[in-house]
Protein backbone atom coordinates (compact mmCIF):
# COMPACT_ATOMS: atom_id res chain seq x y z
CA MET A 1 9.43 24.54 -9.14
CA LYS A 2 8.42 28.15 -8.84
CA ASP A 3 9.02 30.54 -11.75
CA ILE A 4 11.45 33.01 -10.15
CA PHE A 5 11.68 34.91 -13.42
CA LYS A 6 7.93 35.55 -13.68
CA ASP A 7 7.46 38.97 -15.27
CA LYS A 8 11.24 39.28 -15.75
CA CYS A 9 11.55 38.28 -19.38
CA GLU A 10 14.34 40.77 -19.87
CA ILE A 11 16.57 38.77 -17.59
CA VAL A 12 15.59 35.51 -19.28
CA ARG A 13 16.27 36.96 -22.71
CA ASP A 14 19.75 38.00 -21.57
CA LEU A 15 20.41 34.41 -20.49
CA LEU A 16 18.81 32.62 -23.46
CA PRO A 17 21.92 32.71 -25.71
CA LEU A 18 23.88 30.97 -22.96
CA PHE A 19 21.00 28.57 -22.34
CA ALA A 20 20.89 27.72 -26.11
CA ASP A 21 24.61 26.90 -25.97
CA ASN A 22 24.20 24.79 -22.79
CA SER A 23 26.58 27.22 -21.10
CA CYS A 24 24.39 28.11 -18.11
CA SER A 25 24.74 26.68 -14.68
CA ARG A 26 22.32 23.83 -13.94
CA SER A 27 20.30 25.99 -11.51
CA ALA A 28 19.96 28.81 -14.07
CA SER A 29 18.96 26.30 -16.74
CA ASP A 30 16.31 24.85 -14.43
CA CYS A 31 14.87 28.28 -13.71
CA ILE A 32 14.87 29.21 -17.42
CA GLU A 33 13.14 25.94 -18.34
CA VAL A 34 10.41 26.62 -15.80
CA HIS A 35 9.96 30.14 -17.18
CA LEU A 36 9.81 28.84 -20.77
CA ILE A 37 6.85 26.57 -19.82
CA THR A 38 4.73 29.60 -19.02
CA CYS A 39 6.14 32.32 -21.36
CA LYS A 40 5.46 31.99 -25.08
CA ALA A 41 7.36 35.21 -25.90
CA CYS A 42 10.55 33.82 -24.41
CA ARG A 43 10.04 30.42 -26.10
CA ASP A 44 9.70 32.25 -29.42
CA TYR A 45 12.84 34.21 -28.75
CA LEU A 46 14.77 31.01 -27.92
CA ASN A 47 13.47 29.48 -31.22
CA SER A 48 14.66 32.56 -33.13
CA ILE A 49 18.13 32.16 -31.56
CA LYS A 50 18.26 28.50 -32.50
CA ASN A 51 17.03 29.22 -36.08
CA SER A 52 19.59 31.95 -36.61
CA ARG A 53 22.35 29.63 -35.43
CA LYS A 54 21.09 26.92 -37.81
CA ALA A 55 21.25 29.45 -40.65
CA GLU A 56 24.81 30.41 -39.67
CA ASN A 57 25.81 26.76 -39.68
CA THR A 58 24.21 26.21 -43.01
CA GLN A 59 26.17 29.14 -44.49
CA GLN A 60 29.37 27.71 -43.11
CA ASP A 61 28.70 24.42 -44.99
CA ILE A 62 28.59 26.23 -48.35
CA PRO A 63 31.83 25.57 -50.18
CA ASP A 64 34.11 28.54 -50.66
CA SER A 65 33.95 29.75 -54.26
CA SER A 66 36.75 32.26 -53.90
CA PRO A 67 39.64 31.89 -56.35
CA ASP A 68 42.55 29.65 -55.44
CA PHE A 69 45.20 32.26 -54.76
CA ALA A 70 47.91 29.71 -53.96
CA GLY A 71 47.34 28.04 -57.32
CA LEU A 72 47.28 31.38 -59.11
CA LEU A 73 50.58 32.43 -57.49
CA ALA A 74 52.12 29.09 -58.54
CA LYS A 75 51.04 29.66 -62.15
CA ILE A 76 52.51 33.16 -62.12
CA ARG A 77 55.81 31.87 -60.75
CA ARG A 78 55.95 29.12 -63.42
CA HIS A 79 55.22 31.70 -66.14
CA LYS A 80 58.01 33.95 -64.84
CA ILE A 81 60.49 31.07 -64.84
CA VAL A 82 59.55 30.02 -68.36
CA THR A 83 59.72 33.63 -69.59
CA ARG A 84 63.12 34.21 -68.01
CA SER A 85 64.42 30.90 -69.36
CA VAL A 86 63.29 31.70 -72.89
CA PHE A 87 64.80 35.19 -72.63
CA ALA A 88 68.12 33.72 -71.37
CA ALA A 89 68.16 31.13 -74.20
CA VAL A 90 67.48 33.77 -76.84
CA THR A 91 70.15 36.07 -75.38
CA VAL A 92 72.74 33.24 -75.34
CA GLY A 93 71.76 32.29 -78.91
CA LEU A 94 72.10 35.86 -80.14
CA ALA A 95 75.43 36.24 -78.35
CA ALA A 96 76.69 33.00 -79.98
CA LEU A 97 75.49 34.13 -83.36
CA ASN A 98 77.18 37.53 -82.92
CA ILE A 99 80.46 35.87 -81.88
CA SER A 100 80.16 33.49 -84.84
CA PHE A 101 79.76 36.45 -87.26
CA TRP A 102 82.59 38.30 -85.60
CA LEU A 103 84.94 35.34 -85.90
CA THR A 104 84.06 34.65 -89.57
CA LYS A 105 84.17 38.29 -90.57
CA ASP A 106 87.58 38.10 -92.14
């Protein structure tokens, strides 16, 4: 097959990201493959695209070390409930004590 992209590396480089994703038409892929046989610069560019995508995929595999905000919010809610419950119990206890003193005042 004839290299229709000979001396047209700019066009090939525009198509290489699609080629790397296997998103080109079959005829475009065939023409790019023929061009890559003869053009080292475009092969190197394709390799750099593939390597950068590998690096992106590797970064996505790294576990997220951000704090667990859902867990943190749950702890805050529990703390609020406990605090309010203790406050209510103390208030009821003080009210009962006050009523007790008021009734036994005589």
